[in-house]
């Protein structure tokens, strides 16, 4: 499942086991004014989307909608 982390908090493999996330980040629609907020506890920065390696392959094939684990991101509402 994809994970959202801001530039400051960095790549998710620092704390997520098992690793296996792509080296590439992706900007969520509307970034930086996006609802994709870093999932690090206490952080409310706009985040980048990190895809698992198999999701990265799907992205390269054109897929653009990915699930995120409910505890890895927060949602900003208007």
C-alpha atoms as a PDB file:
ATOM      1  CA  UNK A   1       0.000   0.000   0.000  1.00  0.00           C
ATOM      2  CA  UNK A   2       1.140   3.511  -0.762  1.00  0.00           C
ATOM      3  CA  UNK A   3       2.322   5.733   2.068  1.00  0.00           C
ATOM      4  CA  UNK A   4       2.434   9.518   2.403  1.00  0.00           C
ATOM      5  CA  UNK A   5       5.451  11.309   3.862  1.00  0.00           C
ATOM      6  CA  UNK A   6       6.597  14.925   3.584  1.00  0.00           C
ATOM      7  CA  UNK A   7      10.031  15.992   2.404  1.00  0.00           C
ATOM      8  CA  UNK A   8      11.202  16.564   5.997  1.00  0.00           C
ATOM      9  CA  UNK A   9      10.086  13.143   7.304  1.00  0.00           C
ATOM     10  CA  UNK A  10      11.505  11.379   4.266  1.00  0.00           C
ATOM     11  CA  UNK A  11      11.425   7.932   2.753  1.00  0.00           C
ATOM     12  CA  UNK A  12       9.152   5.507   4.616  1.00  0.00           C
ATOM     13  CA  UNK A  13      11.641   2.644   4.853  1.00  0.00           C
ATOM     14  CA  UNK A  14      13.248   4.364   7.831  1.00  0.00           C
ATOM     15  CA  UNK A  15      10.404   3.104  10.035  1.00  0.00           C
ATOM     16  CA  UNK A  16       8.213   0.818   7.928  1.00  0.00           C
ATOM     17  CA  UNK A  17       8.874  -2.900   7.833  1.00  0.00           C
ATOM     18  CA  UNK A  18       9.218  -4.617   5.489  1.00  0.00           C
ATOM     19  CA  UNK A  19      10.853  -2.134   3.131  1.00  0.00           C
ATOM     20  CA  UNK A  20      10.186  -2.381  -0.565  1.00  0.00           C
ATOM     21  CA  UNK A  21       9.154   1.146  -1.469  1.00  0.00           C
ATOM     22  CA  UNK A  22      10.209   2.683  -4.742  1.00  0.00           C
ATOM     23  CA  UNK A  23      13.035   5.208  -4.764  1.00  0.00           C
ATOM     24  CA  UNK A  24      10.732   7.640  -6.619  1.00  0.00           C
ATOM     25  CA  UNK A  25       8.158   9.958  -5.087  1.00  0.00           C
ATOM     26  CA  UNK A  26       4.966  11.129  -6.736  1.00  0.00           C
ATOM     27  CA  UNK A  27       3.086  14.369  -6.241  1.00  0.00           C
ATOM     28  CA  UNK A  28      -0.558  13.950  -5.264  1.00  0.00           C
ATOM     29  CA  UNK A  29      -3.103  15.946  -7.245  1.00  0.00           C
ATOM     30  CA  UNK A  30      -3.169  19.548  -6.071  1.00  0.00           C
ATOM     31  CA  UNK A  31       0.196  19.444  -4.321  1.00  0.00           C
ATOM     32  CA  UNK A  32       1.161  21.380  -2.212  1.00  0.00           C
ATOM     33  CA  UNK A  33      -2.444  22.368  -1.456  1.00  0.00           C
ATOM     34  CA  UNK A  34      -3.425  18.728  -1.281  1.00  0.00           C
ATOM     35  CA  UNK A  35      -5.357  16.545   1.125  1.00  0.00           C
ATOM     36  CA  UNK A  36      -2.430  14.103   1.224  1.00  0.00           C
ATOM     37  CA  UNK A  37      -0.840  14.932   4.574  1.00  0.00           C
ATOM     38  CA  UNK A  38       2.263  13.266   5.983  1.00  0.00           C
ATOM     39  CA  UNK A  39       1.412  10.226   8.065  1.00  0.00           C
ATOM     40  CA  UNK A  40       4.199  10.760  10.595  1.00  0.00           C
ATOM     41  CA  UNK A  41       2.768  11.344  14.066  1.00  0.00           C
ATOM     42  CA  UNK A  42       2.690  15.075  14.826  1.00  0.00           C
ATOM     43  CA  UNK A  43       3.483  16.186  11.256  1.00  0.00           C
ATOM     44  CA  UNK A  44       0.934  18.151   9.222  1.00  0.00           C
ATOM     45  CA  UNK A  45       3.009  18.947   6.129  1.00  0.00           C
ATOM     46  CA  UNK A  46       1.778  18.209   2.627  1.00  0.00           C
ATOM     47  CA  UNK A  47       3.155  14.873   1.594  1.00  0.00           C
ATOM     48  CA  UNK A  48       4.563  13.007  -1.341  1.00  0.00           C
ATOM     49  CA  UNK A  49       3.227   9.594  -2.292  1.00  0.00           C
ATOM     50  CA  UNK A  50       5.628   6.680  -1.955  1.00  0.00           C
ATOM     51  CA  UNK A  51       4.565   3.552  -3.819  1.00  0.00           C
ATOM     52  CA  UNK A  52       5.541  -0.028  -3.134  1.00  0.00           C
ATOM     53  CA  UNK A  53       7.662  -1.488  -5.904  1.00  0.00           C
ATOM     54  CA  UNK A  54       4.757  -3.428  -7.427  1.00  0.00           C
ATOM     55  CA  UNK A  55       2.604  -0.273  -7.338  1.00  0.00           C
ATOM     56  CA  UNK A  56       5.407   1.634  -9.070  1.00  0.00           C
ATOM     57  CA  UNK A  57       5.216  -0.878 -11.933  1.00  0.00           C
ATOM     58  CA  UNK A  58       1.443  -0.310 -12.093  1.00  0.00           C
ATOM     59  CA  UNK A  59       2.038   3.465 -12.132  1.00  0.00           C
ATOM     60  CA  UNK A  60       4.401   3.059 -15.084  1.00  0.00           C
ATOM     61  CA  UNK A  61       1.582   1.191 -16.875  1.00  0.00           C
ATOM     62  CA  UNK A  62      -0.843   4.087 -16.310  1.00  0.00           C
ATOM     63  CA  UNK A  63      -2.558   3.384 -12.982  1.00  0.00           C
ATOM     64  CA  UNK A  64      -3.072   6.596 -11.001  1.00  0.00           C
ATOM     65  CA  UNK A  65      -5.279   5.624  -8.042  1.00  0.00           C
ATOM     66  CA  UNK A  66      -3.673   3.767  -5.135  1.00  0.00           C
ATOM     67  CA  UNK A  67      -4.843   2.685  -1.699  1.00  0.00           C
ATOM     68  CA  UNK A  68      -3.129   3.957   1.405  1.00  0.00           C
ATOM     69  CA  UNK A  69      -3.036   2.335   4.795  1.00  0.00           C
ATOM     70  CA  UNK A  70      -5.439   4.250   7.039  1.00  0.00           C
ATOM     71  CA  UNK A  71      -2.796   4.874   9.698  1.00  0.00           C
ATOM     72  CA  UNK A  72      -0.192   6.262   7.322  1.00  0.00           C
ATOM     73  CA  UNK A  73      -1.869   9.506   6.257  1.00  0.00           C
ATOM     74  CA  UNK A  74      -4.240  12.195   7.409  1.00  0.00           C
ATOM     75  CA  UNK A  75      -6.790  14.089   5.331  1.00  0.00           C
ATOM     76  CA  UNK A  76      -7.053  17.887   5.138  1.00  0.00           C
ATOM     77  CA  UNK A  77     -10.611  19.132   4.623  1.00  0.00           C
ATOM     78  CA  UNK A  78     -11.988  22.552   3.731  1.00  0.00           C
END
